[in-house]
């Protein structure tokens, strides 16, 4: 199961809302999440983009909080 499948519902909703305003950015975030099964497989650039997109501080803890079941 990839990270997009495991994204918490509130972040899925935010992704859909922001997708209307920033379709290209949302597509890149979705691609990063769908291509990885672990947050530890994300590049620093991908993790940074995800945090900026969801307006959260870039920390491992915050990134893990996006996912339903922590690794």
PDB file of N, CA and C in Angstrom:
ATOM      1  N   UNK A   1       0.840  -1.171   0.000  1.00  0.00           N
ATOM      2  CA  UNK A   1       0.000   0.000   0.000  1.00  0.00           C
ATOM      3  C   UNK A   1       0.897   1.251   0.000  1.00  0.00           C
ATOM      4  N   UNK A   2       0.604   2.184  -0.893  1.00  0.00           N
ATOM      5  CA  UNK A   2       1.447   3.372  -0.993  1.00  0.00           C
ATOM      6  C   UNK A   2       1.000   4.462  -0.014  1.00  0.00           C
ATOM      7  N   UNK A   3       1.790   5.519   0.061  1.00  0.00           N
ATOM      8  CA  UNK A   3       1.514   6.594   1.014  1.00  0.00           C
ATOM      9  C   UNK A   3       0.216   7.338   0.692  1.00  0.00           C
ATOM     10  N   UNK A   4      -0.117   7.463  -0.561  1.00  0.00           N
ATOM     11  CA  UNK A   4      -1.355   8.135  -0.924  1.00  0.00           C
ATOM     12  C   UNK A   4      -2.550   7.355  -0.386  1.00  0.00           C
ATOM     13  N   UNK A   5      -2.491   6.034  -0.478  1.00  0.00           N
ATOM     14  CA  UNK A   5      -3.570   5.188   0.048  1.00  0.00           C
ATOM     15  C   UNK A   5      -3.682   5.293   1.570  1.00  0.00           C
ATOM     16  N   UNK A   6      -2.569   5.594   2.222  1.00  0.00           N
ATOM     17  CA  UNK A   6      -2.531   5.634   3.684  1.00  0.00           C
ATOM     18  C   UNK A   6      -2.636   7.046   4.250  1.00  0.00           C
ATOM     19  N   UNK A   7      -2.793   8.031   3.385  1.00  0.00           N
ATOM     20  CA  UNK A   7      -2.912   9.415   3.840  1.00  0.00           C
ATOM     21  C   UNK A   7      -4.175   9.579   4.669  1.00  0.00           C
ATOM     22  N   UNK A   8      -4.056  10.274   5.793  1.00  0.00           N
ATOM     23  CA  UNK A   8      -5.208  10.490   6.671  1.00  0.00           C
ATOM     24  C   UNK A   8      -6.298  11.257   5.917  1.00  0.00           C
ATOM     25  N   UNK A   9      -7.560  10.972   6.228  1.00  0.00           N
ATOM     26  CA  UNK A   9      -8.683  11.595   5.510  1.00  0.00           C
ATOM     27  C   UNK A   9      -8.639  13.120   5.467  1.00  0.00           C
ATOM     28  N   UNK A  10      -8.226  13.739   6.551  1.00  0.00           N
ATOM     29  CA  UNK A  10      -8.199  15.202   6.553  1.00  0.00           C
ATOM     30  C   UNK A  10      -7.193  15.769   5.551  1.00  0.00           C
ATOM     31  N   UNK A  11      -6.113  15.019   5.295  1.00  0.00           N
ATOM     32  CA  UNK A  11      -5.130  15.473   4.326  1.00  0.00           C
ATOM     33  C   UNK A  11      -5.573  15.141   2.902  1.00  0.00           C
ATOM     34  N   UNK A  12      -6.314  14.065   2.752  1.00  0.00           N
ATOM     35  CA  UNK A  12      -6.904  13.768   1.436  1.00  0.00           C
ATOM     36  C   UNK A  12      -7.879  14.873   1.049  1.00  0.00           C
ATOM     37  N   UNK A  13      -8.667  15.316   2.004  1.00  0.00           N
ATOM     38  CA  UNK A  13      -9.616  16.408   1.746  1.00  0.00           C
ATOM     39  C   UNK A  13      -8.871  17.685   1.371  1.00  0.00           C
ATOM     40  N   UNK A  14      -7.830  17.983   2.116  1.00  0.00           N
ATOM     41  CA  UNK A  14      -7.045  19.188   1.828  1.00  0.00           C
ATOM     42  C   UNK A  14      -6.401  19.091   0.457  1.00  0.00           C
ATOM     43  N   UNK A  15      -5.935  17.904   0.109  1.00  0.00           N
ATOM     44  CA  UNK A  15      -5.336  17.686  -1.208  1.00  0.00           C
ATOM     45  C   UNK A  15      -6.343  17.989  -2.308  1.00  0.00           C
ATOM     46  N   UNK A  16      -7.562  17.524  -2.146  1.00  0.00           N
ATOM     47  CA  UNK A  16      -8.611  17.763  -3.137  1.00  0.00           C
ATOM     48  C   UNK A  16      -8.972  19.244  -3.231  1.00  0.00           C
ATOM     49  N   UNK A  17      -9.030  19.918  -2.102  1.00  0.00           N
ATOM     50  CA  UNK A  17      -9.372  21.343  -2.088  1.00  0.00           C
ATOM     51  C   UNK A  17      -8.281  22.161  -2.777  1.00  0.00           C
ATOM     52  N   UNK A  18      -7.038  21.901  -2.408  1.00  0.00           N
ATOM     53  CA  UNK A  18      -5.925  22.678  -2.946  1.00  0.00           C
ATOM     54  C   UNK A  18      -5.657  22.317  -4.410  1.00  0.00           C
ATOM     55  N   UNK A  19      -6.050  21.116  -4.803  1.00  0.00           N
ATOM     56  CA  UNK A  19      -5.850  20.673  -6.182  1.00  0.00           C
ATOM     57  C   UNK A  19      -6.521  21.620  -7.181  1.00  0.00           C
ATOM     58  N   UNK A  20      -7.633  22.210  -6.775  1.00  0.00           N
ATOM     59  CA  UNK A  20      -8.352  23.133  -7.654  1.00  0.00           C
ATOM     60  C   UNK A  20      -7.557  24.410  -7.888  1.00  0.00           C
ATOM     61  N   UNK A  21      -6.814  24.847  -6.876  1.00  0.00           N
ATOM     62  CA  UNK A  21      -6.026  26.070  -6.994  1.00  0.00           C
ATOM     63  C   UNK A  21      -4.652  25.821  -7.607  1.00  0.00           C
ATOM     64  N   UNK A  22      -4.058  24.694  -7.271  1.00  0.00           N
ATOM     65  CA  UNK A  22      -2.690  24.391  -7.695  1.00  0.00           C
ATOM     66  C   UNK A  22      -2.611  22.985  -8.276  1.00  0.00           C
ATOM     67  N   UNK A  23      -3.214  22.763  -9.451  1.00  0.00           N
ATOM     68  CA  UNK A  23      -3.287  21.403  -9.998  1.00  0.00           C
ATOM     69  C   UNK A  23      -1.926  20.753 -10.265  1.00  0.00           C
ATOM     70  N   UNK A  24      -0.972  21.522 -10.724  1.00  0.00           N
ATOM     71  CA  UNK A  24       0.344  20.941 -11.023  1.00  0.00           C
ATOM     72  C   UNK A  24       1.062  20.509  -9.751  1.00  0.00           C
ATOM     73  N   UNK A  25       1.032  21.366  -8.746  1.00  0.00           N
ATOM     74  CA  UNK A  25       1.662  21.018  -7.462  1.00  0.00           C
ATOM     75  C   UNK A  25       0.984  19.811  -6.837  1.00  0.00           C
ATOM     76  N   UNK A  26      -0.330  19.797  -6.868  1.00  0.00           N
ATOM     77  CA  UNK A  26      -1.074  18.670  -6.298  1.00  0.00           C
ATOM     78  C   UNK A  26      -0.739  17.374  -7.023  1.00  0.00           C
ATOM     79  N   UNK A  27      -0.590  17.454  -8.329  1.00  0.00           N
ATOM     80  CA  UNK A  27      -0.249  16.259  -9.117  1.00  0.00           C
ATOM     81  C   UNK A  27       1.132  15.727  -8.719  1.00  0.00           C
ATOM     82  N   UNK A  28       2.081  16.622  -8.505  1.00  0.00           N
ATOM     83  CA  UNK A  28       3.427  16.194  -8.090  1.00  0.00           C
ATOM     84  C   UNK A  28       3.398  15.557  -6.698  1.00  0.00           C
ATOM     85  N   UNK A  29       2.610  16.142  -5.803  1.00  0.00           N
ATOM     86  CA  UNK A  29       2.484  15.580  -4.451  1.00  0.00           C
ATOM     87  C   UNK A  29       1.844  14.196  -4.518  1.00  0.00           C
ATOM     88  N   UNK A  30       0.776  14.079  -5.290  1.00  0.00           N
ATOM     89  CA  UNK A  30       0.114  12.773  -5.450  1.00  0.00           C
ATOM     90  C   UNK A  30       1.073  11.742  -6.025  1.00  0.00           C
ATOM     91  N   UNK A  31       1.879  12.148  -6.993  1.00  0.00           N
ATOM     92  CA  UNK A  31       2.830  11.222  -7.609  1.00  0.00           C
ATOM     93  C   UNK A  31       3.868  10.759  -6.584  1.00  0.00           C
ATOM     94  N   UNK A  32       4.385  11.689  -5.811  1.00  0.00           N
ATOM     95  CA  UNK A  32       5.371  11.328  -4.777  1.00  0.00           C
ATOM     96  C   UNK A  32       4.769  10.352  -3.775  1.00  0.00           C
ATOM     97  N   UNK A  33       3.546  10.635  -3.354  1.00  0.00           N
ATOM     98  CA  UNK A  33       2.885   9.773  -2.376  1.00  0.00           C
ATOM     99  C   UNK A  33       2.525   8.413  -2.963  1.00  0.00           C
ATOM    100  N   UNK A  34       2.123   8.387  -4.215  1.00  0.00           N
ATOM    101  CA  UNK A  34       1.716   7.115  -4.818  1.00  0.00           C
ATOM    102  C   UNK A  34       2.906   6.236  -5.213  1.00  0.00           C
ATOM    103  N   UNK A  35       4.065   6.840  -5.418  1.00  0.00           N
ATOM    104  CA  UNK A  35       5.247   6.074  -5.827  1.00  0.00           C
ATOM    105  C   UNK A  35       6.050   5.532  -4.652  1.00  0.00           C
ATOM    106  N   UNK A  36       5.673   5.918  -3.441  1.00  0.00           N
ATOM    107  CA  UNK A  36       6.435   5.490  -2.261  1.00  0.00           C
ATOM    108  C   UNK A  36       5.542   4.773  -1.262  1.00  0.00           C
ATOM    109  N   UNK A  37       6.106   3.742  -0.652  1.00  0.00           N
ATOM    110  CA  UNK A  37       5.374   2.977   0.352  1.00  0.00           C
ATOM    111  C   UNK A  37       5.788   3.358   1.761  1.00  0.00           C
ATOM    112  N   UNK A  38       6.858   4.114   1.861  1.00  0.00           N
ATOM    113  CA  UNK A  38       7.377   4.511   3.169  1.00  0.00           C
ATOM    114  C   UNK A  38       7.774   5.980   3.128  1.00  0.00           C
ATOM    115  N   UNK A  39       7.542   6.695   4.224  1.00  0.00           N
ATOM    116  CA  UNK A  39       7.986   8.091   4.271  1.00  0.00           C
ATOM    117  C   UNK A  39       9.510   8.164   4.214  1.00  0.00           C
ATOM    118  N   UNK A  40      10.168   7.099   4.604  1.00  0.00           N
ATOM    119  CA  UNK A  40      11.627   7.071   4.587  1.00  0.00           C
ATOM    120  C   UNK A  40      12.183   6.940   3.170  1.00  0.00           C
ATOM    121  N   UNK A  41      11.329   6.630   2.209  1.00  0.00           N
ATOM    122  CA  UNK A  41      11.752   6.530   0.816  1.00  0.00           C
ATOM    123  C   UNK A  41      11.613   7.861   0.077  1.00  0.00           C
ATOM    124  N   UNK A  42      10.934   8.822   0.705  1.00  0.00           N
ATOM    125  CA  UNK A  42      10.784  10.141   0.084  1.00  0.00           C
ATOM    126  C   UNK A  42      12.129  10.857   0.043  1.00  0.00           C
ATOM    127  N   UNK A  43      12.349  11.591  -1.034  1.00  0.00           N
ATOM    128  CA  UNK A  43      13.546  12.430  -1.063  1.00  0.00           C
ATOM    129  C   UNK A  43      13.299  13.645  -0.173  1.00  0.00           C
ATOM    130  N   UNK A  44      14.355  14.343   0.168  1.00  0.00           N
ATOM    131  CA  UNK A  44      14.206  15.554   0.976  1.00  0.00           C
ATOM    132  C   UNK A  44      13.362  16.574   0.217  1.00  0.00           C
ATOM    133  N   UNK A  45      13.567  16.658  -1.072  1.00  0.00           N
ATOM    134  CA  UNK A  45      12.783  17.581  -1.903  1.00  0.00           C
ATOM    135  C   UNK A  45      11.300  17.227  -1.873  1.00  0.00           C
ATOM    136  N   UNK A  46      10.987  15.942  -2.002  1.00  0.00           N
ATOM    137  CA  UNK A  46       9.584  15.502  -1.965  1.00  0.00           C
ATOM    138  C   UNK A  46       8.964  15.789  -0.604  1.00  0.00           C
ATOM    139  N   UNK A  47       9.682  15.452   0.456  1.00  0.00           N
ATOM    140  CA  UNK A  47       9.173  15.680   1.810  1.00  0.00           C
ATOM    141  C   UNK A  47       8.954  17.172   2.056  1.00  0.00           C
ATOM    142  N   UNK A  48       9.884  17.987   1.591  1.00  0.00           N
ATOM    143  CA  UNK A  48       9.762  19.433   1.737  1.00  0.00           C
ATOM    144  C   UNK A  48       8.538  19.956   0.991  1.00  0.00           C
ATOM    145  N   UNK A  49       8.351  19.507  -0.228  1.00  0.00           N
ATOM    146  CA  UNK A  49       7.195  19.932  -1.023  1.00  0.00           C
ATOM    147  C   UNK A  49       5.883  19.521  -0.366  1.00  0.00           C
ATOM    148  N   UNK A  50       5.846  18.322   0.168  1.00  0.00           N
ATOM    149  CA  UNK A  50       4.637  17.827   0.843  1.00  0.00           C
ATOM    150  C   UNK A  50       4.331  18.692   2.058  1.00  0.00           C
ATOM    151  N   UNK A  51       5.350  19.016   2.828  1.00  0.00           N
ATOM    152  CA  UNK A  51       5.146  19.841   4.021  1.00  0.00           C
ATOM    153  C   UNK A  51       4.695  21.251   3.653  1.00  0.00           C
ATOM    154  N   UNK A  52       5.295  21.815   2.629  1.00  0.00           N
ATOM    155  CA  UNK A  52       4.874  23.143   2.177  1.00  0.00           C
ATOM    156  C   UNK A  52       3.431  23.082   1.697  1.00  0.00           C
ATOM    157  N   UNK A  53       3.115  22.059   0.934  1.00  0.00           N
ATOM    158  CA  UNK A  53       1.773  21.907   0.371  1.00  0.00           C
ATOM    159  C   UNK A  53       0.713  21.800   1.467  1.00  0.00           C
ATOM    160  N   UNK A  54       1.008  21.046   2.518  1.00  0.00           N
ATOM    161  CA  UNK A  54       0.066  20.858   3.617  1.00  0.00           C
ATOM    162  C   UNK A  54       0.247  21.887   4.733  1.00  0.00           C
ATOM    163  N   UNK A  55       1.159  22.826   4.521  1.00  0.00           N
ATOM    164  CA  UNK A  55       1.387  23.922   5.462  1.00  0.00           C
ATOM    165  C   UNK A  55       1.728  23.412   6.861  1.00  0.00           C
ATOM    166  N   UNK A  56       2.704  22.505   6.896  1.00  0.00           N
ATOM    167  CA  UNK A  56       3.199  21.989   8.168  1.00  0.00           C
ATOM    168  C   UNK A  56       4.717  22.141   8.201  1.00  0.00           C
ATOM    169  N   UNK A  57       5.271  22.210   9.405  1.00  0.00           N
ATOM    170  CA  UNK A  57       6.719  22.291   9.556  1.00  0.00           C
ATOM    171  C   UNK A  57       7.342  20.973   9.093  1.00  0.00           C
ATOM    172  N   UNK A  58       8.482  21.074   8.415  1.00  0.00           N
ATOM    173  CA  UNK A  58       9.122  19.865   7.902  1.00  0.00           C
ATOM    174  C   UNK A  58       9.923  19.177   9.006  1.00  0.00           C
ATOM    175  N   UNK A  59       9.269  18.207   9.628  1.00  0.00           N
ATOM    176  CA  UNK A  59       9.938  17.340  10.601  1.00  0.00           C
ATOM    177  C   UNK A  59       9.484  15.916  10.292  1.00  0.00           C
ATOM    178  N   UNK A  60      10.291  14.975  10.684  1.00  0.00           N
ATOM    179  CA  UNK A  60       9.930  13.576  10.473  1.00  0.00           C
ATOM    180  C   UNK A  60       8.621  13.251  11.188  1.00  0.00           C
ATOM    181  N   UNK A  61       8.485  13.762  12.366  1.00  0.00           N
ATOM    182  CA  UNK A  61       7.269  13.520  13.142  1.00  0.00           C
ATOM    183  C   UNK A  61       6.025  14.026  12.400  1.00  0.00           C
ATOM    184  N   UNK A  62       6.112  15.220  11.849  1.00  0.00           N
ATOM    185  CA  UNK A  62       4.971  15.775  11.108  1.00  0.00           C
ATOM    186  C   UNK A  62       4.663  14.972   9.857  1.00  0.00           C
ATOM    187  N   UNK A  63       5.688  14.528   9.172  1.00  0.00           N
ATOM    188  CA  UNK A  63       5.468  13.724   7.968  1.00  0.00           C
ATOM    189  C   UNK A  63       4.819  12.396   8.335  1.00  0.00           C
ATOM    190  N   UNK A  64       5.278  11.788   9.413  1.00  0.00           N
ATOM    191  CA  UNK A  64       4.679  10.532   9.867  1.00  0.00           C
ATOM    192  C   UNK A  64       3.224  10.732  10.285  1.00  0.00           C
ATOM    193  N   UNK A  65       2.899  11.914  10.795  1.00  0.00           N
ATOM    194  CA  UNK A  65       1.527  12.204  11.227  1.00  0.00           C
ATOM    195  C   UNK A  65       0.543  12.277  10.050  1.00  0.00           C
ATOM    196  N   UNK A  66       1.050  12.432   8.846  1.00  0.00           N
ATOM    197  CA  UNK A  66       0.175  12.464   7.664  1.00  0.00           C
ATOM    198  C   UNK A  66      -0.404  11.096   7.341  1.00  0.00           C
ATOM    199  N   UNK A  67       0.264  10.062   7.809  1.00  0.00           N
ATOM    200  CA  UNK A  67      -0.052   8.693   7.431  1.00  0.00           C
ATOM    201  C   UNK A  67      -0.891   8.020   8.515  1.00  0.00           C
ATOM    202  N   UNK A  68      -1.858   7.204   8.083  1.00  0.00           N
ATOM    203  CA  UNK A  68      -2.782   6.539   9.008  1.00  0.00           C
ATOM    204  C   UNK A  68      -2.089   5.692  10.052  1.00  0.00           C
ATOM    205  N   UNK A  69      -1.218   4.794   9.616  1.00  0.00           N
ATOM    206  CA  UNK A  69      -0.528   3.931  10.573  1.00  0.00           C
ATOM    207  C   UNK A  69       0.962   4.215  10.501  1.00  0.00           C
ATOM    208  N   UNK A  70       1.500   4.801  11.570  1.00  0.00           N
ATOM    209  CA  UNK A  70       2.913   5.173  11.601  1.00  0.00           C
ATOM    210  C   UNK A  70       3.782   3.959  11.354  1.00  0.00           C
ATOM    211  N   UNK A  71       4.925   4.259  10.719  1.00  0.00           N
ATOM    212  CA  UNK A  71       5.869   3.181  10.400  1.00  0.00           C
ATOM    213  C   UNK A  71       6.824   2.943  11.534  1.00  0.00           C
TER     214      UNK A  71
END
